[in-house]
Amino acid sequence: MSEIEIPRHIDELDRCIDNWETAIFEWQKSQTAYAEKESLLKSWESAMKAAMIGAKMSGVMAEARVKAHEDWQPRYLEVQNLGIASETKKRILRLAEAKWETERSRQVSLRNLK
């Protein structure tokens, strides 16, 4: 015998909570992608610098040469764009929380009026 699903009434507060949960998940995914790319960039920079310093180049010169390398700019830009996307997701997360708080307050006010 199969279970009978009872339809759940979804009100605006439920929708706000669902949106908040989605925003948390999206921010987490975005932040993880940012962290992964940033760590890859830092590892690449370190490997390049170590190779140059091993070839008797000063640390300052190695730093300058790494940042002048043709591969550095697109890698750096990708990391920065992921950081911007992550910050945007964080703001959406805060907005979802604020909407939930607003709806919760509205429902409390409506109950008090009844």
N, C-alpha and C. Protein backbone atom coordinates (compact mmCIF):
# COMPACT_ATOMS: atom_id res chain seq x y z
N MET A 1 0.84 -1.16 0.00
CA MET A 1 0.00 0.00 0.00
C MET A 1 0.89 1.24 0.00
N SER A 2 0.61 2.20 -0.85
CA SER A 2 1.44 3.40 -0.93
C SER A 2 0.96 4.44 0.06
N GLU A 3 1.89 5.27 0.45
CA GLU A 3 1.55 6.33 1.39
C GLU A 3 0.79 7.42 0.67
N ILE A 4 -0.15 8.01 1.36
CA ILE A 4 -0.91 9.12 0.81
C ILE A 4 -0.19 10.40 1.16
N GLU A 5 0.08 11.19 0.13
CA GLU A 5 0.74 12.46 0.38
C GLU A 5 -0.31 13.51 0.72
N ILE A 6 -0.10 14.15 1.82
CA ILE A 6 -1.00 15.22 2.23
C ILE A 6 -0.41 16.51 1.70
N PRO A 7 -1.19 17.23 0.89
CA PRO A 7 -0.66 18.49 0.36
C PRO A 7 -0.34 19.46 1.48
N ARG A 8 0.80 20.03 1.41
CA ARG A 8 1.24 20.96 2.42
C ARG A 8 0.91 22.37 1.95
N HIS A 9 0.29 23.12 2.81
CA HIS A 9 0.00 24.51 2.47
C HIS A 9 1.30 25.30 2.56
N ILE A 10 1.63 25.93 1.47
CA ILE A 10 2.86 26.72 1.44
C ILE A 10 2.48 28.19 1.45
N ASP A 11 2.88 28.86 2.50
CA ASP A 11 2.60 30.29 2.58
C ASP A 11 3.85 31.09 2.22
N GLU A 12 3.73 32.39 2.32
CA GLU A 12 4.84 33.26 1.94
C GLU A 12 6.06 33.05 2.82
N LEU A 13 5.86 32.74 4.09
CA LEU A 13 6.98 32.48 4.99
C LEU A 13 7.74 31.23 4.55
N ASP A 14 7.00 30.19 4.15
CA ASP A 14 7.65 28.98 3.63
C ASP A 14 8.47 29.28 2.39
N ARG A 15 7.91 30.09 1.50
CA ARG A 15 8.65 30.47 0.29
C ARG A 15 9.91 31.25 0.64
N CYS A 16 9.81 32.13 1.61
CA CYS A 16 10.99 32.89 2.05
C CYS A 16 12.07 31.96 2.60
N ILE A 17 11.66 30.98 3.38
CA ILE A 17 12.63 30.03 3.94
C ILE A 17 13.27 29.21 2.82
N ASP A 18 12.45 28.77 1.85
CA ASP A 18 12.99 28.02 0.72
C ASP A 18 14.00 28.87 -0.06
N ASN A 19 13.66 30.13 -0.29
CA ASN A 19 14.58 31.02 -1.00
C ASN A 19 15.86 31.24 -0.21
N TRP A 20 15.73 31.34 1.09
CA TRP A 20 16.89 31.53 1.96
C TRP A 20 17.80 30.31 1.88
N GLU A 21 17.21 29.11 1.95
CA GLU A 21 18.00 27.88 1.85
C GLU A 21 18.71 27.80 0.50
N THR A 22 18.00 28.15 -0.56
CA THR A 22 18.61 28.15 -1.89
C THR A 22 19.76 29.14 -1.96
N ALA A 23 19.57 30.31 -1.39
CA ALA A 23 20.62 31.33 -1.39
C ALA A 23 21.86 30.84 -0.63
N ILE A 24 21.65 30.16 0.47
CA ILE A 24 22.78 29.60 1.24
C ILE A 24 23.54 28.61 0.39
N PHE A 25 22.81 27.71 -0.27
CA PHE A 25 23.43 26.68 -1.11
C PHE A 25 24.21 27.32 -2.26
N GLU A 26 23.61 28.32 -2.92
CA GLU A 26 24.27 28.98 -4.05
C GLU A 26 25.52 29.74 -3.60
N TRP A 27 25.45 30.39 -2.44
CA TRP A 27 26.63 31.10 -1.93
C TRP A 27 27.74 30.10 -1.61
N GLN A 28 27.37 28.98 -1.01
CA GLN A 28 28.37 27.97 -0.67
C GLN A 28 29.06 27.44 -1.93
N LYS A 29 28.29 27.14 -2.97
CA LYS A 29 28.88 26.67 -4.23
C LYS A 29 29.82 27.72 -4.81
N SER A 30 29.38 28.97 -4.80
CA SER A 30 30.17 30.05 -5.36
C SER A 30 31.45 30.26 -4.56
N GLN A 31 31.35 30.22 -3.26
CA GLN A 31 32.52 30.42 -2.39
C GLN A 31 33.52 29.28 -2.57
N THR A 32 33.02 28.07 -2.74
CA THR A 32 33.90 26.91 -2.95
C THR A 32 34.65 27.04 -4.27
N ALA A 33 33.94 27.44 -5.33
CA ALA A 33 34.59 27.63 -6.64
C ALA A 33 35.67 28.70 -6.55
N TYR A 34 35.37 29.79 -5.85
CA TYR A 34 36.33 30.87 -5.67
C TYR A 34 37.57 30.36 -4.92
N ALA A 35 37.36 29.65 -3.83
CA ALA A 35 38.48 29.15 -3.03
C ALA A 35 39.35 28.18 -3.83
N GLU A 36 38.72 27.33 -4.62
CA GLU A 36 39.48 26.38 -5.43
C GLU A 36 40.35 27.10 -6.46
N LYS A 37 39.77 28.05 -7.17
CA LYS A 37 40.54 28.77 -8.18
C LYS A 37 41.64 29.63 -7.57
N GLU A 38 41.33 30.26 -6.42
CA GLU A 38 42.33 31.08 -5.76
C GLU A 38 43.52 30.22 -5.31
N SER A 39 43.22 29.03 -4.79
CA SER A 39 44.32 28.16 -4.34
C SER A 39 45.14 27.67 -5.52
N LEU A 40 44.48 27.41 -6.65
CA LEU A 40 45.22 27.01 -7.85
C LEU A 40 46.13 28.13 -8.34
N LEU A 41 45.62 29.36 -8.32
CA LEU A 41 46.45 30.50 -8.74
C LEU A 41 47.65 30.65 -7.81
N LYS A 42 47.43 30.56 -6.52
CA LYS A 42 48.53 30.72 -5.56
C LYS A 42 49.56 29.60 -5.71
N SER A 43 49.09 28.39 -5.96
CA SER A 43 50.02 27.28 -6.17
C SER A 43 50.84 27.49 -7.44
N TRP A 44 50.18 27.93 -8.50
CA TRP A 44 50.87 28.20 -9.76
C TRP A 44 51.91 29.30 -9.56
N GLU A 45 51.51 30.39 -8.88
CA GLU A 45 52.45 31.48 -8.62
C GLU A 45 53.66 30.98 -7.82
N SER A 46 53.41 30.19 -6.79
CA SER A 46 54.50 29.68 -5.96
C SER A 46 55.44 28.80 -6.75
N ALA A 47 54.89 27.94 -7.59
CA ALA A 47 55.74 27.05 -8.39
C ALA A 47 56.59 27.85 -9.36
N MET A 48 55.99 28.85 -9.98
CA MET A 48 56.74 29.68 -10.93
C MET A 48 57.86 30.45 -10.21
N LYS A 49 57.53 31.04 -9.05
CA LYS A 49 58.53 31.79 -8.29
C LYS A 49 59.66 30.89 -7.82
N ALA A 50 59.30 29.71 -7.33
CA ALA A 50 60.32 28.77 -6.85
C ALA A 50 61.28 28.38 -7.98
N ALA A 51 60.73 28.17 -9.17
CA ALA A 51 61.58 27.82 -10.30
C ALA A 51 62.52 28.97 -10.65
N MET A 52 62.01 30.18 -10.59
CA MET A 52 62.83 31.34 -10.94
C MET A 52 63.88 31.63 -9.88
N ILE A 53 63.50 31.49 -8.61
CA ILE A 53 64.45 31.71 -7.53
C ILE A 53 65.54 30.64 -7.56
N GLY A 54 65.12 29.41 -7.92
CA GLY A 54 66.10 28.33 -8.07
C GLY A 54 67.10 28.61 -9.17
N ALA A 55 66.70 29.44 -10.12
CA ALA A 55 67.59 29.82 -11.22
C ALA A 55 68.35 31.10 -10.87
N LYS A 56 68.51 31.36 -9.56
CA LYS A 56 69.30 32.49 -9.05
C LYS A 56 68.67 33.86 -9.33
N MET A 57 67.33 33.93 -9.30
CA MET A 57 66.64 35.20 -9.48
C MET A 57 66.17 35.67 -8.10
N SER A 58 66.18 36.96 -7.86
CA SER A 58 65.72 37.47 -6.57
C SER A 58 64.22 37.26 -6.43
N GLY A 59 63.75 37.25 -5.19
CA GLY A 59 62.32 37.08 -4.92
C GLY A 59 61.47 38.17 -5.54
N VAL A 60 61.96 39.40 -5.45
CA VAL A 60 61.23 40.54 -6.01
C VAL A 60 61.15 40.43 -7.53
N MET A 61 62.26 40.06 -8.14
CA MET A 61 62.28 39.90 -9.61
C MET A 61 61.39 38.74 -10.03
N ALA A 62 61.42 37.65 -9.27
CA ALA A 62 60.57 36.49 -9.59
C ALA A 62 59.09 36.86 -9.50
N GLU A 63 58.74 37.63 -8.48
CA GLU A 63 57.35 38.10 -8.32
C GLU A 63 56.93 38.92 -9.54
N ALA A 64 57.77 39.84 -9.95
CA ALA A 64 57.47 40.69 -11.11
C ALA A 64 57.36 39.86 -12.38
N ARG A 65 58.23 38.90 -12.56
CA ARG A 65 58.21 38.06 -13.76
C ARG A 65 56.97 37.19 -13.81
N VAL A 66 56.55 36.67 -12.64
CA VAL A 66 55.34 35.83 -12.60
C VAL A 66 54.13 36.65 -13.01
N LYS A 67 54.03 37.85 -12.48
CA LYS A 67 52.86 38.69 -12.80
C LYS A 67 52.93 39.23 -14.23
N ALA A 68 54.09 39.21 -14.82
CA ALA A 68 54.22 39.63 -16.22
C ALA A 68 54.00 38.46 -17.18
N HIS A 69 53.94 37.26 -16.65
CA HIS A 69 53.75 36.06 -17.48
C HIS A 69 52.38 36.13 -18.15
N GLU A 70 52.29 35.70 -19.38
CA GLU A 70 51.04 35.77 -20.14
C GLU A 70 49.90 34.96 -19.52
N ASP A 71 50.21 33.95 -18.75
CA ASP A 71 49.16 33.13 -18.12
C ASP A 71 48.63 33.72 -16.82
N TRP A 72 49.35 34.67 -16.25
CA TRP A 72 48.95 35.19 -14.94
C TRP A 72 47.66 36.00 -15.01
N GLN A 73 47.55 36.93 -15.95
CA GLN A 73 46.39 37.82 -16.02
C GLN A 73 45.07 37.08 -16.16
N PRO A 74 44.92 36.13 -17.09
CA PRO A 74 43.62 35.44 -17.18
C PRO A 74 43.30 34.62 -15.93
N ARG A 75 44.32 34.06 -15.31
CA ARG A 75 44.09 33.29 -14.08
C ARG A 75 43.63 34.23 -12.96
N TYR A 76 44.31 35.34 -12.83
CA TYR A 76 43.98 36.32 -11.80
C TYR A 76 42.57 36.88 -12.02
N LEU A 77 42.26 37.22 -13.26
CA LEU A 77 40.94 37.77 -13.59
C LEU A 77 39.83 36.76 -13.28
N GLU A 78 40.07 35.50 -13.57
CA GLU A 78 39.08 34.46 -13.26
C GLU A 78 38.83 34.39 -11.75
N VAL A 79 39.88 34.45 -10.98
CA VAL A 79 39.74 34.43 -9.51
C VAL A 79 38.96 35.66 -9.04
N GLN A 80 39.29 36.82 -9.59
CA GLN A 80 38.59 38.04 -9.19
C GLN A 80 37.11 37.97 -9.55
N ASN A 81 36.80 37.47 -10.74
CA ASN A 81 35.40 37.35 -11.16
C ASN A 81 34.63 36.37 -10.28
N LEU A 82 35.29 35.29 -9.87
CA LEU A 82 34.64 34.35 -8.95
C LEU A 82 34.43 35.00 -7.58
N GLY A 83 35.36 35.84 -7.16
CA GLY A 83 35.19 36.57 -5.91
C GLY A 83 34.01 37.53 -5.96
N ILE A 84 33.86 38.20 -7.09
CA ILE A 84 32.72 39.11 -7.28
C ILE A 84 31.42 38.33 -7.28
N ALA A 85 31.39 37.20 -7.97
CA ALA A 85 30.19 36.37 -8.02
C ALA A 85 29.84 35.86 -6.62
N SER A 86 30.85 35.48 -5.86
CA SER A 86 30.61 34.99 -4.50
C SER A 86 30.06 36.09 -3.61
N GLU A 87 30.61 37.29 -3.74
CA GLU A 87 30.12 38.43 -2.95
C GLU A 87 28.68 38.76 -3.32
N THR A 88 28.36 38.66 -4.60
CA THR A 88 26.98 38.90 -5.05
C THR A 88 26.04 37.86 -4.44
N LYS A 89 26.46 36.61 -4.43
CA LYS A 89 25.64 35.55 -3.83
C LYS A 89 25.46 35.80 -2.33
N LYS A 90 26.49 36.31 -1.68
CA LYS A 90 26.38 36.61 -0.26
C LYS A 90 25.35 37.71 -0.01
N ARG A 91 25.33 38.70 -0.89
CA ARG A 91 24.35 39.78 -0.75
C ARG A 91 22.93 39.26 -1.01
N ILE A 92 22.79 38.36 -1.97
CA ILE A 92 21.48 37.74 -2.23
C ILE A 92 21.05 36.94 -1.00
N LEU A 93 22.00 36.27 -0.37
CA LEU A 93 21.73 35.52 0.86
C LEU A 93 21.22 36.45 1.95
N ARG A 94 21.87 37.58 2.12
CA ARG A 94 21.43 38.56 3.14
C ARG A 94 20.04 39.11 2.81
N LEU A 95 19.79 39.33 1.53
CA LEU A 95 18.48 39.81 1.11
C LEU A 95 17.40 38.76 1.39
N ALA A 96 17.69 37.51 1.14
CA ALA A 96 16.74 36.43 1.42
C ALA A 96 16.43 36.37 2.92
N GLU A 97 17.46 36.56 3.74
CA GLU A 97 17.25 36.58 5.18
C GLU A 97 16.38 37.76 5.58
N ALA A 98 16.63 38.91 5.00
CA ALA A 98 15.84 40.11 5.31
C ALA A 98 14.38 39.92 4.89
N LYS A 99 14.16 39.30 3.74
CA LYS A 99 12.79 39.05 3.28
C LYS A 99 12.07 38.11 4.25
N TRP A 100 12.79 37.09 4.74
CA TRP A 100 12.19 36.17 5.71
C TRP A 100 11.82 36.93 6.98
N GLU A 101 12.73 37.75 7.47
CA GLU A 101 12.46 38.53 8.69
C GLU A 101 11.26 39.46 8.49
N THR A 102 11.19 40.08 7.33
CA THR A 102 10.07 40.97 7.03
C THR A 102 8.75 40.22 7.01
N GLU A 103 8.75 39.07 6.33
CA GLU A 103 7.52 38.27 6.26
C GLU A 103 7.13 37.74 7.63
N ARG A 104 8.10 37.32 8.41
CA ARG A 104 7.80 36.83 9.76
C ARG A 104 7.17 37.94 10.59
N SER A 105 7.73 39.13 10.52
CA SER A 105 7.18 40.27 11.26
C SER A 105 5.77 40.61 10.78
N ARG A 106 5.57 40.55 9.48
CA ARG A 106 4.25 40.84 8.92
C ARG A 106 3.21 39.85 9.43
N GLN A 107 3.59 38.57 9.47
CA GLN A 107 2.64 37.57 9.93
C GLN A 107 2.34 37.71 11.42
N VAL A 108 3.34 38.07 12.21
CA VAL A 108 3.12 38.31 13.63
C VAL A 108 2.17 39.49 13.81
N SER A 109 2.38 40.54 13.02
CA SER A 109 1.51 41.72 13.11
C SER A 109 0.07 41.37 12.72
N LEU A 110 -0.09 40.56 11.69
CA LEU A 110 -1.44 40.15 11.27
C LEU A 110 -2.12 39.32 12.36
N ARG A 111 -1.36 38.44 13.02
CA ARG A 111 -1.94 37.64 14.11
C ARG A 111 -2.38 38.55 15.27
N ASN A 112 -1.58 39.55 15.54
CA ASN A 112 -1.92 40.48 16.64
C ASN A 112 -3.16 41.30 16.32
N LEU A 113 -3.40 41.56 15.05
CA LEU A 113 -4.59 42.33 14.66
C LEU A 113 -5.87 41.52 14.78
N LYS A 114 -5.75 40.21 14.66
CA LYS A 114 -6.95 39.35 14.72
C LYS A 114 -7.44 39.19 16.08
